[in-house]
Amino acid sequence: MTTYRVTFTPPLLKNAKAILFLVAGQDKAETLAAVLEGPTEPDRFPVQGINCTAAGGETLWLLDQAAAASLKSSRTSD
């Protein structure tokens, strides 16, 4: 069986028109808070280096309540 792989590198993602992160589950809550509200540590959390807004794009985080439970600030949408 032949397999193929597509790799999205940081330069590609930084130039995207939009990036969507979908995070669900209580087991992600502490890490998500560290990524979004903690110090910038891209060696520890590579996702911190991915942001397409500098290129005029939009970065959107979709979280369930369990994943967002450890966040200090919140912006919600119904």
Protein backbone atom coordinates (compact mmCIF):
# COMPACT_ATOMS: atom_id res chain seq x y z
CA MET A 1 0.00 0.00 0.00
CA THR A 2 1.39 3.38 -0.99
CA THR A 3 0.92 6.21 1.47
CA TYR A 4 1.30 9.93 0.99
CA ARG A 5 1.83 12.70 3.46
CA VAL A 6 1.21 16.42 3.24
CA THR A 7 3.22 18.65 5.55
CA PHE A 8 2.09 22.15 6.48
CA THR A 9 5.15 24.09 7.55
CA PRO A 10 5.05 27.25 9.72
CA PRO A 11 5.79 29.56 6.74
CA LEU A 12 2.86 28.06 4.83
CA LEU A 13 0.51 28.39 7.79
CA LYS A 14 1.61 31.96 8.57
CA ASN A 15 0.58 32.98 5.04
CA ALA A 16 -2.81 31.28 5.15
CA LYS A 17 -6.01 33.26 4.69
CA ALA A 18 -7.47 31.51 7.72
CA ILE A 19 -6.46 28.99 10.36
CA LEU A 20 -8.95 27.16 12.55
CA PHE A 21 -7.94 25.40 15.75
CA LEU A 22 -10.52 23.04 17.24
CA VAL A 23 -9.84 22.04 20.85
CA ALA A 24 -12.10 19.77 22.86
CA GLY A 25 -11.89 18.01 26.19
CA GLN A 26 -10.92 18.64 29.79
CA ASP A 27 -7.55 16.98 29.26
CA LYS A 28 -6.57 19.92 27.00
CA ALA A 29 -7.57 22.70 29.44
CA GLU A 30 -4.25 23.29 31.21
CA THR A 31 -2.17 23.11 28.04
CA LEU A 32 -4.58 25.39 26.20
CA ALA A 33 -4.34 27.98 28.99
CA ALA A 34 -0.55 27.80 28.83
CA VAL A 35 -0.61 28.26 25.04
CA LEU A 36 -3.07 31.17 24.97
CA GLU A 37 -2.34 32.96 28.25
CA GLY A 38 1.12 31.84 29.31
CA PRO A 39 4.54 33.07 28.27
CA THR A 40 5.57 32.56 24.66
CA GLU A 41 7.50 29.28 24.47
CA PRO A 42 7.34 28.10 20.85
CA ASP A 43 9.92 25.39 21.49
CA ARG A 44 7.51 23.89 24.03
CA PHE A 45 4.27 24.86 22.25
CA PRO A 46 4.94 25.13 18.48
CA VAL A 47 1.38 26.35 17.92
CA GLN A 48 2.39 29.67 19.52
CA GLY A 49 4.46 30.37 16.42
CA ILE A 50 1.49 29.89 14.09
CA ASN A 51 -0.45 33.07 13.52
CA CYS A 52 -1.67 34.17 10.11
CA THR A 53 -3.02 37.57 11.21
CA ALA A 54 0.30 39.28 10.39
CA ALA A 55 -0.31 38.35 6.74
CA GLY A 56 -3.87 39.70 6.86
CA GLY A 57 -5.44 36.34 7.64
CA GLU A 58 -7.67 35.23 10.48
CA THR A 59 -6.83 32.80 13.28
CA LEU A 60 -9.88 31.29 14.96
CA TRP A 61 -9.95 29.09 18.04
CA LEU A 62 -13.06 26.95 18.61
CA LEU A 63 -13.18 25.47 22.10
CA ASP A 64 -15.66 23.44 24.03
CA GLN A 65 -16.42 24.43 27.63
CA ALA A 66 -14.23 21.68 29.05
CA ALA A 67 -11.16 22.76 27.08
CA ALA A 68 -11.77 26.43 27.96
CA ALA A 69 -12.27 25.75 31.69
CA SER A 70 -8.77 26.90 32.74
CA LEU A 71 -8.76 30.15 30.75
CA LYS A 72 -8.75 33.35 32.80
CA SER A 73 -10.40 35.47 30.12
CA SER A 74 -13.12 34.46 27.76
CA ARG A 75 -14.85 35.66 24.65
CA THR A 76 -17.91 33.68 23.80
CA SER A 77 -20.18 33.51 20.83
CA ASP A 78 -23.60 31.91 20.74
